[in-house]
Amino acid sequence: MKKMSSFIVLLAVFLLVGFVDSPQITDLYETAVFSVSPNNAEAEEVFAPQDTPSHYSSLEMYLERKDQVGDYIVETYREYEIYKDTNGTITKKVPTSNYNYLRYYKN
């Protein structure tokens, strides 16, 4: 009986995920504008075009410093949030609080 109830719950979860991910549901989330003309009392649904972003951001690691600690060389990298316009030109560079450290043995 436990196997059957587990199977039914799992099947219900799969059906729910399939329903939520279906194209009919995602169409409901599109931007719609309703307009009413003065001569006609019916509402007309007009879909607004999706705006193309004028810029985008990415996360990149940059070398901050290189130190020698004993027999090792330690490189410190810091993560930056890079904002670029549509031409690929960097418009803003914001440092984050994330660091990565690489340690190399010096011969």
N, C-alpha and C. Protein backbone atom coordinates (compact mmCIF):
# COMPACT_ATOMS: atom_id res chain seq x y z
N MET A 1 0.82 -1.19 0.00
CA MET A 1 0.00 0.00 0.00
C MET A 1 0.87 1.26 0.00
N LYS A 2 2.01 1.23 0.72
CA LYS A 2 2.90 2.39 0.75
C LYS A 2 3.48 2.67 -0.62
N LYS A 3 3.81 1.59 -1.36
CA LYS A 3 4.36 1.78 -2.69
C LYS A 3 3.34 2.44 -3.62
N MET A 4 2.10 2.05 -3.50
CA MET A 4 1.05 2.59 -4.34
C MET A 4 0.82 4.07 -4.04
N SER A 5 0.79 4.44 -2.76
CA SER A 5 0.58 5.85 -2.41
C SER A 5 1.79 6.69 -2.82
N SER A 6 3.00 6.15 -2.69
CA SER A 6 4.19 6.87 -3.14
C SER A 6 4.16 7.08 -4.64
N PHE A 7 3.71 6.06 -5.37
CA PHE A 7 3.61 6.17 -6.82
C PHE A 7 2.59 7.23 -7.22
N ILE A 8 1.47 7.28 -6.53
CA ILE A 8 0.42 8.27 -6.85
C ILE A 8 0.92 9.68 -6.56
N VAL A 9 1.61 9.88 -5.45
CA VAL A 9 2.16 11.20 -5.12
C VAL A 9 3.19 11.61 -6.16
N LEU A 10 4.07 10.70 -6.55
CA LEU A 10 5.09 10.99 -7.55
C LEU A 10 4.45 11.32 -8.90
N LEU A 11 3.44 10.59 -9.27
CA LEU A 11 2.73 10.86 -10.51
C LEU A 11 2.06 12.23 -10.47
N ALA A 12 1.48 12.59 -9.33
CA ALA A 12 0.84 13.90 -9.19
C ALA A 12 1.85 15.02 -9.30
N VAL A 13 3.03 14.83 -8.75
CA VAL A 13 4.09 15.85 -8.84
C VAL A 13 4.51 16.02 -10.29
N PHE A 14 4.71 14.92 -11.01
CA PHE A 14 5.09 15.01 -12.42
C PHE A 14 4.01 15.70 -13.25
N LEU A 15 2.75 15.39 -12.99
CA LEU A 15 1.67 16.04 -13.72
C LEU A 15 1.61 17.53 -13.42
N LEU A 16 1.82 17.91 -12.16
CA LEU A 16 1.82 19.32 -11.79
C LEU A 16 2.96 20.07 -12.46
N VAL A 17 4.14 19.48 -12.46
CA VAL A 17 5.30 20.12 -13.11
C VAL A 17 5.06 20.23 -14.61
N GLY A 18 4.52 19.20 -15.21
CA GLY A 18 4.22 19.25 -16.63
C GLY A 18 3.19 20.30 -16.98
N PHE A 19 2.20 20.47 -16.13
CA PHE A 19 1.18 21.48 -16.36
C PHE A 19 1.74 22.88 -16.24
N VAL A 20 2.53 23.13 -15.20
CA VAL A 20 3.10 24.46 -14.97
C VAL A 20 4.09 24.82 -16.06
N ASP A 21 4.78 23.85 -16.61
CA ASP A 21 5.79 24.11 -17.62
C ASP A 21 5.23 24.10 -19.04
N SER A 22 3.94 23.91 -19.20
CA SER A 22 3.36 23.81 -20.54
C SER A 22 3.29 25.18 -21.20
N PRO A 23 3.29 25.21 -22.54
CA PRO A 23 3.25 26.50 -23.27
C PRO A 23 1.97 27.29 -23.01
N GLN A 24 0.87 26.62 -22.72
CA GLN A 24 -0.37 27.36 -22.47
C GLN A 24 -0.25 28.21 -21.21
N ILE A 25 0.43 27.71 -20.21
CA ILE A 25 0.60 28.48 -18.96
C ILE A 25 1.57 29.62 -19.18
N THR A 26 2.67 29.39 -19.90
CA THR A 26 3.64 30.46 -20.11
C THR A 26 3.07 31.57 -20.96
N ASP A 27 2.08 31.28 -21.83
CA ASP A 27 1.43 32.33 -22.60
C ASP A 27 0.65 33.28 -21.71
N LEU A 28 0.19 32.80 -20.57
CA LEU A 28 -0.55 33.67 -19.65
C LEU A 28 0.32 34.75 -19.04
N TYR A 29 1.63 34.52 -18.99
CA TYR A 29 2.53 35.47 -18.34
C TYR A 29 3.07 36.52 -19.29
N GLU A 30 2.67 36.51 -20.57
CA GLU A 30 3.13 37.54 -21.49
C GLU A 30 2.50 38.88 -21.12
N THR A 31 3.16 39.95 -21.52
CA THR A 31 2.66 41.28 -21.23
C THR A 31 1.50 41.59 -22.17
N ALA A 32 0.38 41.96 -21.63
CA ALA A 32 -0.79 42.29 -22.44
C ALA A 32 -1.29 43.67 -22.06
N VAL A 33 -1.75 44.40 -23.06
CA VAL A 33 -2.30 45.73 -22.85
C VAL A 33 -3.74 45.70 -23.34
N PHE A 34 -4.66 46.16 -22.51
CA PHE A 34 -6.07 46.20 -22.90
C PHE A 34 -6.44 47.63 -23.22
N SER A 35 -7.11 47.81 -24.36
CA SER A 35 -7.55 49.15 -24.72
C SER A 35 -9.03 49.10 -25.08
N VAL A 36 -9.72 50.16 -24.74
CA VAL A 36 -11.14 50.27 -25.05
C VAL A 36 -11.33 51.50 -25.91
N SER A 37 -11.89 51.31 -27.08
CA SER A 37 -12.14 52.46 -27.95
C SER A 37 -13.44 53.13 -27.52
N PRO A 38 -13.58 54.42 -27.72
CA PRO A 38 -14.79 55.10 -27.28
C PRO A 38 -16.03 54.65 -28.07
N ASN A 39 -15.85 54.22 -29.31
CA ASN A 39 -16.99 53.81 -30.12
C ASN A 39 -17.43 52.38 -29.83
N ASN A 40 -16.51 51.57 -29.34
CA ASN A 40 -16.80 50.17 -29.12
C ASN A 40 -16.54 49.84 -27.66
N ALA A 41 -17.48 49.23 -27.01
CA ALA A 41 -17.36 48.95 -25.58
C ALA A 41 -16.58 47.68 -25.30
N GLU A 42 -16.19 46.95 -26.34
CA GLU A 42 -15.44 45.71 -26.12
C GLU A 42 -13.96 46.02 -25.91
N ALA A 43 -13.35 45.24 -25.08
CA ALA A 43 -11.92 45.41 -24.82
C ALA A 43 -11.15 44.67 -25.89
N GLU A 44 -10.08 45.28 -26.34
CA GLU A 44 -9.23 44.68 -27.35
C GLU A 44 -7.88 44.37 -26.71
N GLU A 45 -7.43 43.16 -26.84
CA GLU A 45 -6.17 42.76 -26.22
C GLU A 45 -5.05 42.91 -27.24
N VAL A 46 -4.04 43.68 -26.87
CA VAL A 46 -2.89 43.92 -27.73
C VAL A 46 -1.66 43.51 -26.95
N PHE A 47 -0.83 42.66 -27.55
CA PHE A 47 0.40 42.23 -26.88
C PHE A 47 1.51 43.23 -27.18
N ALA A 48 2.13 43.71 -26.11
CA ALA A 48 3.24 44.65 -26.26
C ALA A 48 4.49 43.89 -26.65
N PRO A 49 5.30 44.45 -27.53
CA PRO A 49 6.54 43.76 -27.90
C PRO A 49 7.49 43.69 -26.71
N GLN A 50 8.21 42.60 -26.62
CA GLN A 50 9.17 42.44 -25.53
C GLN A 50 10.34 43.40 -25.77
N ASP A 51 10.69 44.16 -24.76
CA ASP A 51 11.80 45.09 -24.87
C ASP A 51 13.11 44.33 -24.90
N THR A 52 13.98 44.72 -25.80
CA THR A 52 15.31 44.12 -25.81
C THR A 52 16.15 44.88 -24.81
N PRO A 53 16.93 44.19 -24.02
CA PRO A 53 17.72 44.88 -23.00
C PRO A 53 18.79 45.74 -23.64
N SER A 54 18.98 46.93 -23.08
CA SER A 54 20.00 47.83 -23.61
C SER A 54 21.37 47.49 -23.04
N HIS A 55 21.41 46.64 -22.02
CA HIS A 55 22.67 46.22 -21.44
C HIS A 55 22.48 44.85 -20.78
N TYR A 56 23.58 44.21 -20.48
CA TYR A 56 23.53 42.93 -19.79
C TYR A 56 24.72 42.86 -18.84
N SER A 57 24.65 41.93 -17.90
CA SER A 57 25.72 41.82 -16.92
C SER A 57 26.25 40.40 -16.90
N SER A 58 27.49 40.28 -16.46
CA SER A 58 28.13 38.97 -16.31
C SER A 58 29.06 39.04 -15.10
N LEU A 59 29.45 37.88 -14.60
CA LEU A 59 30.38 37.81 -13.48
C LEU A 59 31.72 37.31 -14.01
N GLU A 60 32.79 38.03 -13.67
CA GLU A 60 34.12 37.67 -14.12
C GLU A 60 35.10 37.79 -12.96
N MET A 61 36.14 36.94 -13.00
CA MET A 61 37.18 36.95 -11.97
C MET A 61 38.40 37.70 -12.52
N TYR A 62 38.97 38.59 -11.69
CA TYR A 62 40.15 39.36 -12.05
C TYR A 62 41.23 39.16 -10.98
N LEU A 63 42.48 39.10 -11.43
CA LEU A 63 43.61 38.95 -10.52
C LEU A 63 43.77 40.23 -9.71
N GLU A 64 43.69 40.11 -8.38
CA GLU A 64 43.84 41.26 -7.49
C GLU A 64 45.31 41.45 -7.08
N ARG A 65 45.92 40.34 -6.65
CA ARG A 65 47.33 40.44 -6.23
C ARG A 65 47.97 39.06 -6.27
N LYS A 66 49.29 39.07 -6.23
CA LYS A 66 50.09 37.85 -6.23
C LYS A 66 51.11 37.98 -5.10
N ASP A 67 51.07 37.06 -4.12
CA ASP A 67 51.96 37.10 -2.97
C ASP A 67 52.80 35.84 -2.92
N GLN A 68 53.98 35.96 -2.28
CA GLN A 68 54.80 34.79 -2.03
C GLN A 68 54.74 34.49 -0.54
N VAL A 69 54.23 33.29 -0.22
CA VAL A 69 54.09 32.85 1.16
C VAL A 69 54.92 31.58 1.32
N GLY A 70 56.09 31.71 1.94
CA GLY A 70 56.98 30.56 2.10
C GLY A 70 57.44 30.06 0.74
N ASP A 71 57.22 28.77 0.48
CA ASP A 71 57.61 28.18 -0.80
C ASP A 71 56.48 28.25 -1.83
N TYR A 72 55.43 29.00 -1.57
CA TYR A 72 54.27 29.04 -2.46
C TYR A 72 54.02 30.45 -3.00
N ILE A 73 53.45 30.51 -4.18
CA ILE A 73 52.95 31.75 -4.75
C ILE A 73 51.42 31.68 -4.65
N VAL A 74 50.81 32.69 -4.01
CA VAL A 74 49.36 32.72 -3.82
C VAL A 74 48.79 33.86 -4.67
N GLU A 75 47.88 33.49 -5.58
CA GLU A 75 47.20 34.48 -6.41
C GLU A 75 45.79 34.69 -5.86
N THR A 76 45.40 35.95 -5.70
CA THR A 76 44.08 36.29 -5.18
C THR A 76 43.25 36.86 -6.33
N TYR A 77 42.12 36.22 -6.61
CA TYR A 77 41.21 36.66 -7.65
C TYR A 77 39.93 37.17 -7.00
N ARG A 78 39.40 38.27 -7.53
CA ARG A 78 38.15 38.83 -7.02
C ARG A 78 37.10 38.82 -8.12
N GLU A 79 35.87 38.53 -7.72
CA GLU A 79 34.78 38.49 -8.68
C GLU A 79 34.20 39.89 -8.87
N TYR A 80 33.97 40.26 -10.13
CA TYR A 80 33.38 41.55 -10.47
C TYR A 80 32.12 41.31 -11.29
N GLU A 81 31.12 42.16 -11.06
CA GLU A 81 29.92 42.14 -11.90
C GLU A 81 30.15 43.18 -13.00
N ILE A 82 30.20 42.70 -14.24
CA ILE A 82 30.52 43.54 -15.38
C ILE A 82 29.24 43.86 -16.14
N TYR A 83 28.97 45.14 -16.35
CA TYR A 83 27.81 45.57 -17.12
C TYR A 83 28.29 46.04 -18.49
N LYS A 84 27.66 45.51 -19.54
CA LYS A 84 28.03 45.87 -20.91
C LYS A 84 26.79 46.33 -21.66
N ASP A 85 27.01 47.25 -22.62
CA ASP A 85 25.90 47.66 -23.46
C ASP A 85 25.77 46.70 -24.64
N THR A 86 24.87 46.99 -25.56
CA THR A 86 24.62 46.08 -26.67
C THR A 86 25.82 45.96 -27.61
N ASN A 87 26.72 46.94 -27.60
CA ASN A 87 27.92 46.88 -28.43
C ASN A 87 29.04 46.10 -27.77
N GLY A 88 28.87 45.69 -26.53
CA GLY A 88 29.89 44.94 -25.82
C GLY A 88 30.87 45.82 -25.05
N THR A 89 30.60 47.12 -24.99
CA THR A 89 31.46 48.05 -24.26
C THR A 89 31.12 47.98 -22.77
N ILE A 90 32.15 47.89 -21.93
CA ILE A 90 31.94 47.83 -20.48
C ILE A 90 31.48 49.20 -19.99
N THR A 91 30.30 49.24 -19.36
CA THR A 91 29.77 50.50 -18.84
C THR A 91 29.99 50.65 -17.35
N LYS A 92 30.02 49.51 -16.63
CA LYS A 92 30.21 49.57 -15.19
C LYS A 92 30.86 48.27 -14.72
N LYS A 93 31.73 48.39 -13.72
CA LYS A 93 32.45 47.24 -13.16
C LYS A 93 32.32 47.33 -11.63
N VAL A 94 31.51 46.41 -11.04
CA VAL A 94 31.22 46.47 -9.61
C VAL A 94 31.86 45.26 -8.92
N PRO A 95 32.75 45.50 -7.93
CA PRO A 95 33.35 44.36 -7.22
C PRO A 95 32.35 43.70 -6.29
N THR A 96 32.45 42.39 -6.18
CA THR A 96 31.61 41.63 -5.24
C THR A 96 32.49 41.22 -4.07
N SER A 97 31.92 40.50 -3.13
CA SER A 97 32.67 40.08 -1.95
C SER A 97 33.23 38.67 -2.10
N ASN A 98 33.19 38.10 -3.30
CA ASN A 98 33.69 36.75 -3.54
C ASN A 98 35.15 36.77 -3.99
N TYR A 99 35.95 35.94 -3.33
CA TYR A 99 37.37 35.81 -3.67
C TYR A 99 37.70 34.35 -3.93
N ASN A 100 38.66 34.10 -4.80
CA ASN A 100 39.22 32.77 -5.02
C ASN A 100 40.74 32.87 -4.87
N TYR A 101 41.33 31.84 -4.31
CA TYR A 101 42.77 31.82 -4.07
C TYR A 101 43.37 30.62 -4.77
N LEU A 102 44.45 30.84 -5.51
CA LEU A 102 45.21 29.76 -6.13
C LEU A 102 46.60 29.75 -5.53
N ARG A 103 47.05 28.56 -5.14
CA ARG A 103 48.36 28.44 -4.53
C ARG A 103 49.23 27.52 -5.39
N TYR A 104 50.41 28.02 -5.77
CA TYR A 104 51.35 27.27 -6.58
C TYR A 104 52.63 27.03 -5.79
N TYR A 105 53.19 25.85 -5.92
CA TYR A 105 54.48 25.55 -5.28
C TYR A 105 55.58 26.12 -6.15
N LYS A 106 56.47 26.91 -5.54
CA LYS A 106 57.56 27.51 -6.26
C LYS A 106 58.77 26.59 -6.20
N ASN A 107 59.30 26.19 -7.36
CA ASN A 107 60.49 25.31 -7.41
C ASN A 107 61.72 26.01 -6.97
